[in-house]
């Protein structure tokens, strides 16, 4: 079964842990100390003073994903039709992915088509994005969350100088490991040039931590009955 529109009230803070995968390069933005000591051993007092607190934010993770010729053409020339034809021809399974909009969208043909095109583009990028455990985002949605949401999609975002951005968004339902209850998570990304950056806590978690499928939630089984709830993380 497939979820409706789902959101996460606020992102989680997660423990650090990066796993390099062969297809992408994960670059973590870090800060170096001002005195240039780099990896040298500090005195105990200095180490204690510089130790991160439990409330420290995890580093931002960016993955490398080279632009295809079709994507560049899509962004530079606003050639939506050519891009849509190209991604569906190369990925026929995207066309077969369930697209089930709600009544308000179904009632308007133009709106339905707009959402469908965004949905197809979103799944195209989901097949390209590699997560920390080596799987694709598409695989995670299809085989772990077992949900595709008609609001999953990719749309044009901001333009900064010569750089065009794409806003990627995905909604998934997982299962709490402690209670077994369904939890709703949002994975949003900023696509710019040859990079993808997570813009929600769960997106960063999936890009950074290889155990993101197990902590603090786990995959749903094929027999699970989907009962979505608003969970406050």
C-alpha atoms as a PDB file:
ATOM      1  CA  UNK A   1       0.000   0.000   0.000  1.00  0.00           C
ATOM      2  CA  UNK A   2       1.175   3.529  -0.562  1.00  0.00           C
ATOM      3  CA  UNK A   3       1.179   6.512   1.772  1.00  0.00           C
ATOM      4  CA  UNK A   4      -0.456   9.881   1.324  1.00  0.00           C
ATOM      5  CA  UNK A   5       1.187  13.212   2.014  1.00  0.00           C
ATOM      6  CA  UNK A   6       3.415  12.759   5.033  1.00  0.00           C
ATOM      7  CA  UNK A   7       5.734  15.114   6.860  1.00  0.00           C
ATOM      8  CA  UNK A   8       8.187  15.027   9.734  1.00  0.00           C
ATOM      9  CA  UNK A   9       7.765  17.647  12.450  1.00  0.00           C
ATOM     10  CA  UNK A  10      11.424  18.167  13.062  1.00  0.00           C
ATOM     11  CA  UNK A  11      14.679  16.422  11.992  1.00  0.00           C
ATOM     12  CA  UNK A  12      16.582  14.015  14.162  1.00  0.00           C
ATOM     13  CA  UNK A  13      20.109  14.459  15.431  1.00  0.00           C
ATOM     14  CA  UNK A  14      22.154  11.432  14.595  1.00  0.00           C
ATOM     15  CA  UNK A  15      25.495  10.035  15.622  1.00  0.00           C
ATOM     16  CA  UNK A  16      28.439  10.473  13.317  1.00  0.00           C
ATOM     17  CA  UNK A  17      29.622   7.702  11.040  1.00  0.00           C
ATOM     18  CA  UNK A  18      30.517   7.837   7.369  1.00  0.00           C
ATOM     19  CA  UNK A  19      30.809   4.968   4.940  1.00  0.00           C
ATOM     20  CA  UNK A  20      32.529   5.538   1.586  1.00  0.00           C
ATOM     21  CA  UNK A  21      30.825   3.856  -1.358  1.00  0.00           C
ATOM     22  CA  UNK A  22      32.402   3.062  -4.694  1.00  0.00           C
ATOM     23  CA  UNK A  23      30.077   4.996  -6.938  1.00  0.00           C
ATOM     24  CA  UNK A  24      30.042   8.346  -5.147  1.00  0.00           C
ATOM     25  CA  UNK A  25      32.420  10.496  -3.195  1.00  0.00           C
ATOM     26  CA  UNK A  26      31.152  11.674   0.141  1.00  0.00           C
ATOM     27  CA  UNK A  27      32.633  14.986   1.167  1.00  0.00           C
ATOM     28  CA  UNK A  28      32.173  16.076   4.748  1.00  0.00           C
ATOM     29  CA  UNK A  29      32.536  19.701   5.629  1.00  0.00           C
ATOM     30  CA  UNK A  30      34.764  19.886   8.701  1.00  0.00           C
ATOM     31  CA  UNK A  31      36.631  22.548  10.575  1.00  0.00           C
ATOM     32  CA  UNK A  32      40.331  22.494  11.375  1.00  0.00           C
ATOM     33  CA  UNK A  33      41.861  24.031  14.473  1.00  0.00           C
ATOM     34  CA  UNK A  34      43.340  27.477  14.194  1.00  0.00           C
ATOM     35  CA  UNK A  35      46.822  26.575  15.398  1.00  0.00           C
ATOM     36  CA  UNK A  36      47.495  24.184  12.528  1.00  0.00           C
ATOM     37  CA  UNK A  37      48.112  21.131  14.709  1.00  0.00           C
ATOM     38  CA  UNK A  38      45.942  18.989  12.405  1.00  0.00           C
ATOM     39  CA  UNK A  39      45.963  15.404  13.640  1.00  0.00           C
ATOM     40  CA  UNK A  40      48.595  15.901  16.370  1.00  0.00           C
ATOM     41  CA  UNK A  41      47.830  14.751  19.903  1.00  0.00           C
ATOM     42  CA  UNK A  42      46.590  17.530  22.169  1.00  0.00           C
ATOM     43  CA  UNK A  43      47.125  17.755  25.933  1.00  0.00           C
ATOM     44  CA  UNK A  44      44.295  16.232  27.947  1.00  0.00           C
ATOM     45  CA  UNK A  45      43.018  19.637  29.056  1.00  0.00           C
ATOM     46  CA  UNK A  46      42.994  20.963  25.495  1.00  0.00           C
ATOM     47  CA  UNK A  47      41.313  17.827  24.199  1.00  0.00           C
ATOM     48  CA  UNK A  48      38.624  18.098  26.846  1.00  0.00           C
ATOM     49  CA  UNK A  49      38.051  21.737  26.047  1.00  0.00           C
ATOM     50  CA  UNK A  50      37.707  21.043  22.345  1.00  0.00           C
ATOM     51  CA  UNK A  51      35.583  17.891  22.660  1.00  0.00           C
ATOM     52  CA  UNK A  52      32.209  18.257  20.940  1.00  0.00           C
ATOM     53  CA  UNK A  53      29.122  18.395  23.085  1.00  0.00           C
ATOM     54  CA  UNK A  54      26.262  15.952  22.687  1.00  0.00           C
ATOM     55  CA  UNK A  55      24.238  18.762  21.115  1.00  0.00           C
ATOM     56  CA  UNK A  56      26.759  19.381  18.332  1.00  0.00           C
ATOM     57  CA  UNK A  57      25.266  19.241  14.855  1.00  0.00           C
ATOM     58  CA  UNK A  58      26.517  16.452  12.561  1.00  0.00           C
ATOM     59  CA  UNK A  59      28.612  17.529   9.565  1.00  0.00           C
ATOM     60  CA  UNK A  60      26.812  18.290   6.320  1.00  0.00           C
ATOM     61  CA  UNK A  61      27.212  15.552   3.712  1.00  0.00           C
ATOM     62  CA  UNK A  62      27.309  16.153  -0.033  1.00  0.00           C
ATOM     63  CA  UNK A  63      27.414  13.361  -2.604  1.00  0.00           C
ATOM     64  CA  UNK A  64      28.841  13.626  -6.094  1.00  0.00           C
ATOM     65  CA  UNK A  65      26.440  12.906  -8.927  1.00  0.00           C
ATOM     66  CA  UNK A  66      27.597  14.052 -12.380  1.00  0.00           C
ATOM     67  CA  UNK A  67      24.960  15.757 -14.504  1.00  0.00           C
ATOM     68  CA  UNK A  68      23.810  13.897 -17.602  1.00  0.00           C
ATOM     69  CA  UNK A  69      23.624  15.664 -20.950  1.00  0.00           C
ATOM     70  CA  UNK A  70      19.824  15.459 -20.725  1.00  0.00           C
ATOM     71  CA  UNK A  71      19.772  17.105 -17.310  1.00  0.00           C
ATOM     72  CA  UNK A  72      22.019  19.957 -18.463  1.00  0.00           C
ATOM     73  CA  UNK A  73      19.792  20.482 -21.495  1.00  0.00           C
ATOM     74  CA  UNK A  74      16.731  20.422 -19.240  1.00  0.00           C
ATOM     75  CA  UNK A  75      18.157  23.096 -16.917  1.00  0.00           C
ATOM     76  CA  UNK A  76      19.895  25.292 -19.475  1.00  0.00           C
ATOM     77  CA  UNK A  77      17.263  25.293 -22.217  1.00  0.00           C
ATOM     78  CA  UNK A  78      14.108  24.606 -20.199  1.00  0.00           C
ATOM     79  CA  UNK A  79      13.440  21.625 -22.462  1.00  0.00           C
ATOM     80  CA  UNK A  80      11.114  19.696 -20.186  1.00  0.00           C
ATOM     81  CA  UNK A  81       9.634  17.411 -22.836  1.00  0.00           C
ATOM     82  CA  UNK A  82      12.989  16.140 -24.099  1.00  0.00           C
ATOM     83  CA  UNK A  83      14.153  15.413 -20.550  1.00  0.00           C
ATOM     84  CA  UNK A  84      10.944  13.582 -19.660  1.00  0.00           C
ATOM     85  CA  UNK A  85      11.123  11.458 -22.806  1.00  0.00           C
ATOM     86  CA  UNK A  86      14.762  10.594 -22.166  1.00  0.00           C
ATOM     87  CA  UNK A  87      14.339   9.488 -18.539  1.00  0.00           C
ATOM     88  CA  UNK A  88      11.255   7.360 -19.292  1.00  0.00           C
ATOM     89  CA  UNK A  89      12.934   5.721 -22.269  1.00  0.00           C
ATOM     90  CA  UNK A  90      15.988   4.845 -20.180  1.00  0.00           C
ATOM     91  CA  UNK A  91      13.936   3.842 -17.102  1.00  0.00           C
ATOM     92  CA  UNK A  92      10.640   2.195 -18.133  1.00  0.00           C
ATOM     93  CA  UNK A  93      10.081   1.037 -14.547  1.00  0.00           C
ATOM     94  CA  UNK A  94       9.565   4.666 -13.551  1.00  0.00           C
ATOM     95  CA  UNK A  95       6.517   4.872 -15.798  1.00  0.00           C
ATOM     96  CA  UNK A  96       5.140   1.745 -14.098  1.00  0.00           C
ATOM     97  CA  UNK A  97       5.652   3.060 -10.556  1.00  0.00           C
ATOM     98  CA  UNK A  98       2.248   3.613  -8.885  1.00  0.00           C
ATOM     99  CA  UNK A  99       1.083   7.225  -9.153  1.00  0.00           C
ATOM    100  CA  UNK A 100      -1.984   7.738  -6.965  1.00  0.00           C
ATOM    101  CA  UNK A 101      -2.850  11.403  -6.422  1.00  0.00           C
ATOM    102  CA  UNK A 102      -5.627  12.481  -4.094  1.00  0.00           C
ATOM    103  CA  UNK A 103      -8.992  13.819  -5.185  1.00  0.00           C
ATOM    104  CA  UNK A 104      -8.022  17.492  -5.325  1.00  0.00           C
ATOM    105  CA  UNK A 105      -5.263  16.726  -7.842  1.00  0.00           C
ATOM    106  CA  UNK A 106      -7.275  14.222  -9.866  1.00  0.00           C
ATOM    107  CA  UNK A 107     -10.035  16.779 -10.413  1.00  0.00           C
ATOM    108  CA  UNK A 108      -7.775  18.978 -12.536  1.00  0.00           C
ATOM    109  CA  UNK A 109      -6.121  17.396 -15.573  1.00  0.00           C
ATOM    110  CA  UNK A 110      -3.344  19.981 -15.900  1.00  0.00           C
ATOM    111  CA  UNK A 111      -2.494  19.742 -12.199  1.00  0.00           C
ATOM    112  CA  UNK A 112      -2.438  15.949 -12.373  1.00  0.00           C
ATOM    113  CA  UNK A 113      -0.033  16.056 -15.316  1.00  0.00           C
ATOM    114  CA  UNK A 114       2.228  18.549 -13.515  1.00  0.00           C
ATOM    115  CA  UNK A 115       2.461  16.287 -10.473  1.00  0.00           C
ATOM    116  CA  UNK A 116       3.044  13.200 -12.642  1.00  0.00           C
ATOM    117  CA  UNK A 117       5.973  14.795 -14.484  1.00  0.00           C
ATOM    118  CA  UNK A 118       7.527  15.955 -11.200  1.00  0.00           C
ATOM    119  CA  UNK A 119       6.985  12.453  -9.797  1.00  0.00           C
ATOM    120  CA  UNK A 120       8.763  10.783 -12.731  1.00  0.00           C
ATOM    121  CA  UNK A 121      11.674  13.214 -12.469  1.00  0.00           C
ATOM    122  CA  UNK A 122      11.906  12.612  -8.734  1.00  0.00           C
ATOM    123  CA  UNK A 123      12.102   8.844  -9.185  1.00  0.00           C
ATOM    124  CA  UNK A 124      14.745   9.313 -11.894  1.00  0.00           C
ATOM    125  CA  UNK A 125      16.995  11.149  -9.436  1.00  0.00           C
ATOM    126  CA  UNK A 126      16.151   8.642  -6.691  1.00  0.00           C
ATOM    127  CA  UNK A 127      17.653   5.937  -8.903  1.00  0.00           C
ATOM    128  CA  UNK A 128      20.872   7.979  -9.201  1.00  0.00           C
ATOM    129  CA  UNK A 129      21.422   8.934  -5.553  1.00  0.00           C
ATOM    130  CA  UNK A 130      23.571   6.471  -3.615  1.00  0.00           C
ATOM    131  CA  UNK A 131      23.034   6.266   0.131  1.00  0.00           C
ATOM    132  CA  UNK A 132      25.536   5.458   2.870  1.00  0.00           C
ATOM    133  CA  UNK A 133      24.852   1.706   2.769  1.00  0.00           C
ATOM    134  CA  UNK A 134      25.506   1.532  -0.981  1.00  0.00           C
ATOM    135  CA  UNK A 135      21.865   1.248  -2.040  1.00  0.00           C
ATOM    136  CA  UNK A 136      19.989   3.790  -4.121  1.00  0.00           C
ATOM    137  CA  UNK A 137      17.306   6.048  -2.744  1.00  0.00           C
ATOM    138  CA  UNK A 138      14.881   4.378  -5.170  1.00  0.00           C
ATOM    139  CA  UNK A 139      15.686   0.982  -3.658  1.00  0.00           C
ATOM    140  CA  UNK A 140      15.131   2.362  -0.159  1.00  0.00           C
ATOM    141  CA  UNK A 141      11.689   3.733  -1.081  1.00  0.00           C
ATOM    142  CA  UNK A 142      10.619   0.618  -2.982  1.00  0.00           C
ATOM    143  CA  UNK A 143      12.015  -2.126  -0.754  1.00  0.00           C
ATOM    144  CA  UNK A 144      12.427  -0.634   2.721  1.00  0.00           C
ATOM    145  CA  UNK A 145       9.743   2.011   3.121  1.00  0.00           C
ATOM    146  CA  UNK A 146       7.670   0.135   0.509  1.00  0.00           C
ATOM    147  CA  UNK A 147       5.979   3.386  -0.412  1.00  0.00           C
ATOM    148  CA  UNK A 148       5.916   5.763  -3.323  1.00  0.00           C
ATOM    149  CA  UNK A 149       4.047   8.975  -2.679  1.00  0.00           C
ATOM    150  CA  UNK A 150       2.557  11.024  -5.513  1.00  0.00           C
ATOM    151  CA  UNK A 151       4.177  14.062  -3.877  1.00  0.00           C
ATOM    152  CA  UNK A 152       7.649  12.571  -4.369  1.00  0.00           C
ATOM    153  CA  UNK A 153       9.229  14.715  -7.047  1.00  0.00           C
ATOM    154  CA  UNK A 154      11.865  17.000  -8.495  1.00  0.00           C
ATOM    155  CA  UNK A 155      11.207  20.634  -9.404  1.00  0.00           C
ATOM    156  CA  UNK A 156      13.287  23.627 -10.389  1.00  0.00           C
ATOM    157  CA  UNK A 157      14.611  25.555  -7.430  1.00  0.00           C
ATOM    158  CA  UNK A 158      16.681  28.682  -7.044  1.00  0.00           C
ATOM    159  CA  UNK A 159      19.120  30.025  -9.641  1.00  0.00           C
ATOM    160  CA  UNK A 160      22.372  31.378  -8.206  1.00  0.00           C
ATOM    161  CA  UNK A 161      24.538  32.954 -10.868  1.00  0.00           C
ATOM    162  CA  UNK A 162      25.120  30.275 -13.479  1.00  0.00           C
ATOM    163  CA  UNK A 163      24.029  27.495 -11.117  1.00  0.00           C
ATOM    164  CA  UNK A 164      20.497  26.108 -11.358  1.00  0.00           C
ATOM    165  CA  UNK A 165      19.162  24.129  -8.413  1.00  0.00           C
ATOM    166  CA  UNK A 166      16.609  21.340  -8.273  1.00  0.00           C
ATOM    167  CA  UNK A 167      14.496  20.640  -5.203  1.00  0.00           C
ATOM    168  CA  UNK A 168      14.115  16.886  -4.628  1.00  0.00           C
ATOM    169  CA  UNK A 169      11.613  15.580  -2.059  1.00  0.00           C
ATOM    170  CA  UNK A 170      10.530  12.122  -0.940  1.00  0.00           C
ATOM    171  CA  UNK A 171       8.123  10.922   1.742  1.00  0.00           C
ATOM    172  CA  UNK A 172       8.437   7.517   3.379  1.00  0.00           C
ATOM    173  CA  UNK A 173       6.931   5.494   6.200  1.00  0.00           C
ATOM    174  CA  UNK A 174       9.194   3.336   8.377  1.00  0.00           C
ATOM    175  CA  UNK A 175       8.633   1.329  11.542  1.00  0.00           C
ATOM    176  CA  UNK A 176       9.837   2.368  14.987  1.00  0.00           C
ATOM    177  CA  UNK A 177      12.213  -0.242  16.346  1.00  0.00           C
ATOM    178  CA  UNK A 178      11.120   0.321  19.959  1.00  0.00           C
ATOM    179  CA  UNK A 179       7.319   0.356  19.588  1.00  0.00           C
ATOM    180  CA  UNK A 180       6.647  -1.046  16.115  1.00  0.00           C
ATOM    181  CA  UNK A 181       4.567   2.028  15.268  1.00  0.00           C
ATOM    182  CA  UNK A 182       4.745   3.657  11.840  1.00  0.00           C
ATOM    183  CA  UNK A 183       6.805   6.825  11.608  1.00  0.00           C
ATOM    184  CA  UNK A 184       6.667   9.345   8.800  1.00  0.00           C
ATOM    185  CA  UNK A 185       9.927  10.762   7.465  1.00  0.00           C
ATOM    186  CA  UNK A 186      10.785  13.354   4.833  1.00  0.00           C
ATOM    187  CA  UNK A 187      13.947  13.144   2.748  1.00  0.00           C
ATOM    188  CA  UNK A 188      14.647  16.386   0.889  1.00  0.00           C
ATOM    189  CA  UNK A 189      17.717  17.218  -1.178  1.00  0.00           C
ATOM    190  CA  UNK A 190      19.203  20.169  -3.007  1.00  0.00           C
ATOM    191  CA  UNK A 191      20.590  19.247  -6.425  1.00  0.00           C
ATOM    192  CA  UNK A 192      23.146  21.715  -7.828  1.00  0.00           C
ATOM    193  CA  UNK A 193      25.691  21.045 -10.557  1.00  0.00           C
ATOM    194  CA  UNK A 194      27.313  17.672  -9.927  1.00  0.00           C
ATOM    195  CA  UNK A 195      26.332  17.495  -6.259  1.00  0.00           C
ATOM    196  CA  UNK A 196      23.388  16.466  -4.092  1.00  0.00           C
ATOM    197  CA  UNK A 197      23.052  17.710  -0.513  1.00  0.00           C
ATOM    198  CA  UNK A 198      20.543  16.519   2.064  1.00  0.00           C
ATOM    199  CA  UNK A 199      18.397  19.343   3.458  1.00  0.00           C
ATOM    200  CA  UNK A 200      16.446  17.404   6.116  1.00  0.00           C
ATOM    201  CA  UNK A 201      17.716  15.357   9.039  1.00  0.00           C
ATOM    202  CA  UNK A 202      16.638  12.058   7.523  1.00  0.00           C
ATOM    203  CA  UNK A 203      18.221  12.880   4.169  1.00  0.00           C
ATOM    204  CA  UNK A 204      21.523  13.644   5.910  1.00  0.00           C
ATOM    205  CA  UNK A 205      21.173  10.484   8.006  1.00  0.00           C
ATOM    206  CA  UNK A 206      20.711   8.347   4.882  1.00  0.00           C
ATOM    207  CA  UNK A 207      23.707   9.920   3.136  1.00  0.00           C
ATOM    208  CA  UNK A 208      26.009   9.729   6.163  1.00  0.00           C
ATOM    209  CA  UNK A 209      25.175   6.684   8.307  1.00  0.00           C
ATOM    210  CA  UNK A 210      25.304   3.121   6.972  1.00  0.00           C
ATOM    211  CA  UNK A 211      22.831   1.941   9.643  1.00  0.00           C
ATOM    212  CA  UNK A 212      20.149   4.457   8.657  1.00  0.00           C
ATOM    213  CA  UNK A 213      17.704   1.607   7.859  1.00  0.00           C
ATOM    214  CA  UNK A 214      17.934   0.297  11.428  1.00  0.00           C
ATOM    215  CA  UNK A 215      18.331   3.270  13.750  1.00  0.00           C
ATOM    216  CA  UNK A 216      16.071   4.631  15.139  1.00  0.00           C
ATOM    217  CA  UNK A 217      13.600   3.024  12.718  1.00  0.00           C
ATOM    218  CA  UNK A 218      13.642  -0.048  10.546  1.00  0.00           C
ATOM    219  CA  UNK A 219      12.174  -1.243   7.257  1.00  0.00           C
ATOM    220  CA  UNK A 220       8.573  -2.276   6.938  1.00  0.00           C
ATOM    221  CA  UNK A 221       7.751  -5.810   5.830  1.00  0.00           C
ATOM    222  CA  UNK A 222       5.691  -6.574   2.738  1.00  0.00           C
ATOM    223  CA  UNK A 223       2.785  -7.720   4.918  1.00  0.00           C
ATOM    224  CA  UNK A 224       2.668  -4.567   7.055  1.00  0.00           C
ATOM    225  CA  UNK A 225      -0.612  -2.701   7.073  1.00  0.00           C
ATOM    226  CA  UNK A 226       0.203   0.961   6.611  1.00  0.00           C
ATOM    227  CA  UNK A 227      -1.298   3.166   9.316  1.00  0.00           C
ATOM    228  CA  UNK A 228       0.377   6.555   9.130  1.00  0.00           C
ATOM    229  CA  UNK A 229       0.567   8.721  12.216  1.00  0.00           C
ATOM    230  CA  UNK A 230       2.125  12.058  13.022  1.00  0.00           C
ATOM    231  CA  UNK A 231       5.139  11.163  15.108  1.00  0.00           C
ATOM    232  CA  UNK A 232       7.050  13.801  17.049  1.00  0.00           C
ATOM    233  CA  UNK A 233      10.729  12.897  16.913  1.00  0.00           C
END
